[in-house]
Amino acid sequence: MSNLKEIAEYVGISTTAVSIYLNDNNTNRLSIASKRKIDEAVKKFNYQRNMFARNLSMNKSNIIGIIFPTIVPMFMNDFTNPLLAGLQSRLSVNGYSMLFFPSFAGTSAEIAKQQLTASVGCDGYILFSTGFCTLPHIQSTVNELQNLEKPFVTLNIPELDLPINQVIIRDLDSTIGIEYLLEKNFKKILLILGREKDVHTQKFLKRYYQLLKQRNIPVDPRYIIYGNYTAEDNSRELNAFFDKGIPVNAICCMSDIMAASTVSIIRQRGFSVPGDISVIGRNNSLYSRVADPQITTIDLHMFEAGQSAANLLLDSIAGSSAKQKIVIAGTIVERQSVKNDK
């Protein structure tokens, strides 16, 4: 593969002149004959421009850094993928790529710091939270981003009382699923949460306890288990629950993959869905649509949340100084897994 110097020598002009033409084919600084000769040389030597190097020379990379503070592979997550797809759908049509950074640090804050150190040259950032992040770690990473003085947006992070661009997925920690089941007069509801130390889980539990207190329902810790957002952990914990013989007539899961696993375990135990036990999931993912029966779920509108985050970031890169907080509300998608005659 050739370089600018070889093209310039072939044409008989300076590398600067070649660069001017390649950056602006309509320039008047070169003759038509020189332009034709450059085109001929580009084809002859199979010259390909290094767009990354060109953009860096202009103090612009057209690259957005994705700060995802965990070593767990993000693309295996049915929760994260629609967020990333929403981001990509807006960033790519505006000429931006997304870049992900490796890290082998310990805490989420250390991982994020390593990723930020490796991301010099990015035009802006999207900061994710994960189930492995604590609130102090999130706040520490936000401080690091503020010190960089580069545009950034937080996504999949609890609302922060800071003047920064945020996209809040409201029902990540709301009790909308439990309320839905209570309104249908279910009395024995098992709650299957994700990771016990997840910041969203902790906020959810606080609201859950408040909800039960408001409705004069006693808290029974037997009806709270943790499936860690995986089918395997969910199956193990749910089987352990059933082994105790605790009565249950509805199960509220914090992800569709756990809900799909729950439907399978219920059937293995000789019960029916929704005849004996109703099930609700969360995410409105493929798992909820291909399950039998199809699973009632909470659509968190993740794709739209990703698009909103990208739009905020693009506005900020373009020079907007406004700091916005966009709240995306979830909606119940009713299907066949919840009994309706309670």
Protein backbone atom coordinates (compact mmCIF):
# COMPACT_ATOMS: atom_id res chain seq x y z
CA MET A 1 0.00 0.00 0.00
CA SER A 2 1.41 3.39 -0.97
CA ASN A 3 1.75 6.61 1.02
CA LEU A 4 1.37 10.31 0.26
CA LYS A 5 5.06 10.66 -0.59
CA GLU A 6 4.87 8.06 -3.37
CA ILE A 7 1.76 9.72 -4.80
CA ALA A 8 3.47 13.12 -4.74
CA GLU A 9 6.61 11.78 -6.47
CA TYR A 10 4.54 10.13 -9.19
CA VAL A 11 2.55 13.30 -9.86
CA GLY A 12 5.53 15.62 -9.46
CA ILE A 13 4.02 17.86 -6.77
CA SER A 14 4.41 18.25 -2.99
CA THR A 15 2.79 15.95 -0.42
CA THR A 16 0.98 19.03 0.90
CA ALA A 17 -0.62 19.60 -2.49
CA VAL A 18 -1.72 15.95 -2.66
CA SER A 19 -3.18 16.19 0.84
CA ILE A 20 -5.09 19.37 -0.05
CA TYR A 21 -6.74 17.65 -2.99
CA LEU A 22 -7.56 14.44 -1.11
CA ASN A 23 -9.19 16.49 1.65
CA ASP A 24 -11.09 18.71 -0.79
CA ASN A 25 -11.63 17.45 -4.33
CA ASN A 26 -13.15 20.81 -5.31
CA THR A 27 -10.13 22.89 -4.34
CA ASN A 28 -9.00 25.57 -6.81
CA ARG A 29 -5.39 25.37 -5.62
CA LEU A 30 -4.51 22.58 -8.04
CA SER A 31 -4.87 22.37 -11.81
CA ILE A 32 -7.28 19.96 -13.44
CA ALA A 33 -4.30 18.10 -14.90
CA SER A 34 -2.75 17.62 -11.42
CA LYS A 35 -6.05 16.39 -10.02
CA ARG A 36 -6.37 13.83 -12.80
CA LYS A 37 -2.80 12.70 -12.21
CA ILE A 38 -3.46 12.27 -8.47
CA ASP A 39 -6.59 10.22 -9.23
CA GLU A 40 -4.53 8.07 -11.57
CA ALA A 41 -1.84 7.54 -8.92
CA VAL A 42 -4.36 6.70 -6.21
CA LYS A 43 -5.80 3.99 -8.42
CA LYS A 44 -2.43 2.75 -9.63
CA PHE A 45 -0.89 2.40 -6.17
CA ASN A 46 -4.11 1.37 -4.39
CA TYR A 47 -3.76 4.26 -1.96
CA GLN A 48 -6.11 4.25 1.03
CA ARG A 49 -6.41 7.21 3.34
CA ASN A 50 -5.94 6.83 7.09
CA MET A 51 -9.07 8.63 8.23
CA PHE A 52 -8.17 8.24 11.92
CA ALA A 53 -4.82 9.99 11.45
CA ARG A 54 -6.45 12.68 9.31
CA ASN A 55 -9.08 13.42 11.92
CA LEU A 56 -6.55 13.55 14.74
CA SER A 57 -4.56 16.14 12.79
CA MET A 58 -7.74 18.23 12.82
CA ASN A 59 -8.18 17.69 16.60
CA LYS A 60 -11.22 15.57 15.87
CA SER A 61 -11.46 11.80 15.90
CA ASN A 62 -15.16 11.22 15.14
CA ILE A 63 -14.94 8.51 17.80
CA ILE A 64 -17.12 8.21 20.90
CA GLY A 65 -15.62 6.40 23.88
CA ILE A 66 -17.93 3.90 25.58
CA ILE A 67 -17.03 3.69 29.26
CA PHE A 68 -18.42 0.40 30.52
CA PRO A 69 -16.88 -0.30 33.93
CA THR A 70 -16.84 -4.09 34.08
CA ILE A 71 -14.74 -6.88 32.60
CA VAL A 72 -17.91 -8.89 31.85
CA PRO A 73 -18.48 -9.05 28.04
CA MET A 74 -21.17 -6.48 27.28
CA PHE A 75 -22.32 -7.99 23.99
CA MET A 76 -23.60 -11.13 25.72
CA ASN A 77 -26.13 -9.01 27.61
CA ASP A 78 -29.66 -8.76 26.21
CA PHE A 79 -30.12 -5.68 28.39
CA THR A 80 -27.12 -3.72 27.09
CA ASN A 81 -27.42 -4.57 23.41
CA PRO A 82 -30.53 -2.45 22.65
CA LEU A 83 -28.91 0.52 24.40
CA LEU A 84 -25.82 0.15 22.22
CA ALA A 85 -27.97 -0.34 19.12
CA GLY A 86 -29.83 2.90 19.89
CA LEU A 87 -26.53 4.73 20.32
CA GLN A 88 -25.11 3.35 17.10
CA SER A 89 -28.23 4.19 15.10
CA ARG A 90 -27.74 7.91 15.81
CA LEU A 91 -23.96 8.13 16.02
CA SER A 92 -23.22 6.24 12.80
CA VAL A 93 -25.51 8.36 10.61
CA ASN A 94 -23.69 11.41 11.96
CA GLY A 95 -20.26 10.01 11.07
CA TYR A 96 -19.22 8.77 14.53
CA SER A 97 -17.85 5.40 15.56
CA MET A 98 -17.99 3.82 19.01
CA LEU A 99 -14.82 2.56 20.70
CA PHE A 100 -14.64 0.14 23.63
CA PHE A 101 -11.62 -0.11 25.92
CA PRO A 102 -10.20 -3.17 27.69
CA SER A 103 -9.36 -3.20 31.37
CA PHE A 104 -8.32 -5.75 33.95
CA ALA A 105 -8.58 -3.62 37.08
CA GLY A 106 -10.45 -4.53 40.25
CA THR A 107 -13.31 -2.18 41.10
CA SER A 108 -15.65 -0.56 38.59
CA ALA A 109 -14.11 2.84 39.42
CA GLU A 110 -10.59 1.51 38.66
CA ILE A 111 -11.81 -0.06 35.42
CA ALA A 112 -13.44 3.20 34.33
CA LYS A 113 -10.27 5.16 35.14
CA GLN A 114 -8.16 2.80 33.02
CA GLN A 115 -10.64 3.07 30.16
CA LEU A 116 -10.58 6.87 30.32
CA THR A 117 -6.77 6.86 30.34
CA ALA A 118 -6.79 4.71 27.19
CA SER A 119 -9.36 6.90 25.43
CA VAL A 120 -7.35 10.05 24.73
CA GLY A 121 -8.53 11.60 21.47
CA CYS A 122 -12.21 10.68 21.70
CA ASP A 123 -14.63 13.50 20.90
CA GLY A 124 -17.01 12.52 23.70
CA TYR A 125 -18.12 9.76 26.01
CA ILE A 126 -21.09 7.65 27.03
CA LEU A 127 -20.83 6.45 30.62
CA PHE A 128 -22.68 3.25 31.49
CA SER A 129 -23.45 1.86 34.88
CA THR A 130 -23.61 -1.90 35.43
CA GLY A 131 -24.77 -4.22 38.15
CA PHE A 132 -21.20 -4.19 39.47
CA CYS A 133 -21.10 -0.41 40.10
CA THR A 134 -21.68 1.20 43.47
CA LEU A 135 -23.00 4.75 43.67
CA PRO A 136 -19.65 6.12 45.03
CA HIS A 137 -17.85 4.45 42.09
CA ILE A 138 -20.29 6.03 39.63
CA GLN A 139 -19.82 9.47 41.18
CA SER A 140 -16.04 9.04 41.10
CA THR A 141 -16.12 8.24 37.37
CA VAL A 142 -18.40 11.23 36.69
CA ASN A 143 -15.83 13.43 38.46
CA GLU A 144 -13.09 12.02 36.23
CA LEU A 145 -15.15 12.82 33.13
CA GLN A 146 -15.85 16.36 34.32
CA ASN A 147 -12.11 16.89 34.77
CA LEU A 148 -11.50 15.85 31.15
CA GLU A 149 -13.71 18.74 29.99
CA LYS A 150 -15.04 16.65 27.12
CA PRO A 151 -18.76 16.16 26.32
CA PHE A 152 -20.32 13.13 27.98
CA VAL A 153 -23.71 11.63 28.78
CA THR A 154 -24.63 9.12 31.47
CA LEU A 155 -26.84 6.18 30.51
CA ASN A 156 -28.25 3.30 32.57
CA ILE A 157 -27.25 5.24 35.71
CA PRO A 158 -29.49 6.34 38.58
CA GLU A 159 -30.45 10.02 38.54
CA LEU A 160 -27.62 12.20 39.85
CA ASP A 161 -28.10 15.65 41.36
CA LEU A 162 -25.46 17.16 39.09
CA PRO A 163 -25.50 19.60 36.13
CA ILE A 164 -24.64 16.94 33.55
CA ASN A 165 -26.37 15.35 30.57
CA GLN A 166 -28.28 12.28 31.76
CA VAL A 167 -30.70 9.78 30.27
CA ILE A 168 -32.70 8.22 33.10
CA ILE A 169 -34.41 4.87 32.47
CA ARG A 170 -37.02 5.48 35.14
CA ASP A 171 -38.34 1.99 35.69
CA LEU A 172 -34.99 0.32 36.29
CA ASP A 173 -35.69 0.80 39.98
CA SER A 174 -39.45 1.40 40.09
CA THR A 175 -41.99 -1.10 41.44
CA ILE A 176 -44.25 -0.98 38.37
CA GLY A 177 -44.23 -4.79 37.96
CA ILE A 178 -45.13 -5.51 41.58
CA GLU A 179 -47.86 -2.85 41.50
CA TYR A 180 -49.30 -4.45 38.36
CA LEU A 181 -49.56 -7.82 40.10
CA LEU A 182 -50.97 -6.34 43.31
CA GLU A 183 -53.67 -4.56 41.33
CA LYS A 184 -54.70 -7.95 39.97
CA ASN A 185 -55.12 -9.08 43.59
CA PHE A 186 -52.21 -11.53 43.71
CA LYS A 187 -51.26 -12.17 47.34
CA LYS A 188 -48.24 -14.47 47.25
CA ILE A 189 -45.76 -12.73 44.95
CA LEU A 190 -42.17 -13.91 44.62
CA LEU A 191 -39.72 -11.16 43.66
CA ILE A 192 -36.68 -12.28 41.64
CA LEU A 193 -34.08 -9.51 41.63
CA GLY A 194 -30.79 -9.26 39.75
CA ARG A 195 -27.56 -8.70 41.66
CA GLU A 196 -27.87 -8.06 45.37
CA LYS A 197 -25.39 -5.14 45.54
CA ASP A 198 -26.48 -3.46 42.32
CA VAL A 199 -27.32 0.21 42.94
CA HIS A 200 -30.60 -0.19 41.03
CA THR A 201 -31.48 -3.25 43.13
CA GLN A 202 -30.92 -1.33 46.35
CA LYS A 203 -33.12 1.56 45.19
CA PHE A 204 -35.78 -0.90 44.04
CA LEU A 205 -35.83 -2.66 47.41
CA LYS A 206 -36.25 0.63 49.24
CA ARG A 207 -39.27 1.47 47.09
CA TYR A 208 -40.60 -2.07 47.41
CA TYR A 209 -40.59 -1.87 51.21
CA GLN A 210 -42.29 1.53 51.07
CA LEU A 211 -44.96 0.14 48.73
CA LEU A 212 -45.74 -2.79 51.03
CA LYS A 213 -45.91 -0.46 54.04
CA GLN A 214 -48.36 1.82 52.22
CA ARG A 215 -50.60 -1.17 51.47
CA ASN A 216 -50.27 -2.67 54.94
CA ILE A 217 -48.62 -5.81 53.55
CA PRO A 218 -46.03 -7.40 55.86
CA VAL A 219 -42.54 -7.91 54.44
CA ASP A 220 -41.66 -11.60 54.11
CA PRO A 221 -37.96 -12.06 53.17
CA ARG A 222 -38.72 -15.56 51.90
CA TYR A 223 -40.35 -13.93 48.87
CA ILE A 224 -37.13 -12.20 47.71
CA ILE A 225 -34.42 -14.11 45.82
CA TYR A 226 -31.59 -13.10 43.48
CA GLY A 227 -31.21 -14.56 39.99
CA ASN A 228 -28.19 -12.44 38.95
CA TYR A 229 -29.79 -11.81 35.53
CA THR A 230 -28.83 -15.30 34.33
CA ALA A 231 -30.95 -18.35 33.52
CA GLU A 232 -28.56 -20.63 35.43
CA ASP A 233 -28.55 -18.69 38.72
CA ASN A 234 -32.28 -18.03 38.42
CA SER A 235 -33.01 -21.75 37.97
CA ARG A 236 -30.89 -22.71 40.98
CA GLU A 237 -32.44 -20.11 43.30
CA LEU A 238 -36.00 -20.73 42.10
CA ASN A 239 -35.67 -24.49 42.56
CA ALA A 240 -34.38 -23.87 46.08
CA PHE A 241 -37.42 -21.67 46.72
CA PHE A 242 -39.85 -24.35 45.47
CA ASP A 243 -38.07 -27.00 47.55
CA LYS A 244 -39.13 -25.10 50.68
CA GLY A 245 -42.80 -25.52 49.77
CA ILE A 246 -43.57 -21.81 50.08
CA PRO A 247 -46.95 -20.96 48.45
CA VAL A 248 -46.77 -18.61 45.46
CA ASN A 249 -49.26 -17.49 42.82
CA ALA A 250 -47.24 -14.84 40.94
CA ILE A 251 -43.56 -14.16 40.21
CA CYS A 252 -42.08 -10.77 39.28
CA CYS A 253 -38.69 -11.02 37.53
CA MET A 254 -36.27 -8.16 36.92
CA SER A 255 -35.30 -9.45 33.47
CA ASP A 256 -36.92 -11.40 30.67
CA ILE A 257 -34.21 -14.04 30.64
CA MET A 258 -34.99 -14.81 34.29
CA ALA A 259 -38.70 -14.76 33.48
CA ALA A 260 -38.23 -17.26 30.63
CA SER A 261 -36.18 -19.47 32.94
CA THR A 262 -38.92 -19.14 35.56
CA VAL A 263 -41.61 -20.33 33.14
CA SER A 264 -39.48 -23.38 32.33
CA ILE A 265 -38.91 -24.25 36.02
CA ILE A 266 -42.60 -23.83 36.84
CA ARG A 267 -43.50 -26.35 34.14
CA GLN A 268 -40.80 -28.76 35.30
CA ARG A 269 -42.39 -28.58 38.74
CA GLY A 270 -45.73 -29.67 37.30
CA PHE A 271 -47.45 -26.28 37.47
CA SER A 272 -48.94 -24.23 34.63
CA VAL A 273 -48.43 -20.63 33.52
CA PRO A 274 -50.60 -18.66 34.06
CA GLY A 275 -53.13 -21.16 35.45
CA ASP A 276 -51.23 -21.90 38.67
CA ILE A 277 -48.57 -19.21 38.70
CA SER A 278 -48.44 -15.92 36.77
CA VAL A 279 -45.10 -14.49 35.59
CA ILE A 280 -44.00 -10.98 34.60
CA GLY A 281 -40.59 -10.03 33.22
CA ARG A 282 -38.78 -6.84 32.29
CA ASN A 283 -37.07 -5.49 29.14
CA ASN A 284 -39.51 -6.63 26.41
CA SER A 285 -36.67 -8.62 24.89
CA LEU A 286 -36.77 -11.56 22.48
CA TYR A 287 -36.97 -13.94 25.45
CA SER A 288 -40.40 -12.59 26.36
CA ARG A 289 -41.73 -12.93 22.81
CA VAL A 290 -40.56 -16.47 22.03
CA ALA A 291 -41.47 -18.00 25.40
CA ASP A 292 -44.53 -20.24 25.60
CA PRO A 293 -46.71 -18.65 26.78
CA GLN A 294 -45.43 -15.25 25.72
CA ILE A 295 -44.43 -13.27 28.80
CA THR A 296 -46.06 -10.11 30.08
CA THR A 297 -43.20 -7.66 30.56
CA ILE A 298 -42.14 -4.07 31.15
CA ASP A 299 -40.83 -2.37 28.04
CA LEU A 300 -38.05 -0.06 29.27
CA HIS A 301 -37.60 1.43 25.76
CA MET A 302 -33.86 0.79 25.81
CA PHE A 303 -33.32 1.46 22.11
CA GLU A 304 -34.99 4.87 22.47
CA ALA A 305 -32.88 5.58 25.57
CA GLY A 306 -29.72 4.90 23.56
CA GLN A 307 -30.89 7.20 20.79
CA SER A 308 -31.67 9.97 23.31
CA ALA A 309 -28.19 9.66 24.83
CA ALA A 310 -26.58 9.90 21.40
CA ASN A 311 -28.64 12.98 20.52
CA LEU A 312 -27.65 14.71 23.76
CA LEU A 313 -23.98 13.95 23.12
CA LEU A 314 -24.11 15.13 19.51
CA ASP A 315 -25.72 18.41 20.63
CA SER A 316 -23.00 18.86 23.24
CA ILE A 317 -20.22 18.15 20.72
CA ALA A 318 -21.81 20.70 18.38
CA GLY A 319 -21.41 23.35 21.08
CA SER A 320 -24.57 23.25 23.17
CA SER A 321 -23.85 24.20 26.78
CA ALA A 322 -27.30 23.15 28.04
CA LYS A 323 -27.35 20.23 30.45
CA GLN A 324 -30.42 18.07 30.06
CA LYS A 325 -32.01 15.23 31.98
CA ILE A 326 -34.21 13.00 29.81
CA VAL A 327 -36.47 10.51 31.60
CA ILE A 328 -37.61 7.41 29.70
CA ALA A 329 -40.70 5.80 31.27
CA GLY A 330 -41.46 2.10 30.95
CA THR A 331 -44.76 0.61 29.85
CA ILE A 332 -46.47 -2.69 30.59
CA VAL A 333 -46.77 -5.05 27.63
CA GLU A 334 -49.56 -7.52 28.43
CA ARG A 335 -49.27 -11.04 27.05
CA GLN A 336 -50.38 -14.51 28.12
CA SER A 337 -48.23 -15.23 31.20
CA VAL A 338 -50.39 -13.32 33.71
CA LYS A 339 -53.81 -14.62 34.71
CA ASN A 340 -56.45 -11.92 34.23
CA ASP A 341 -59.39 -13.27 36.20
CA LYS A 342 -58.06 -12.68 39.71
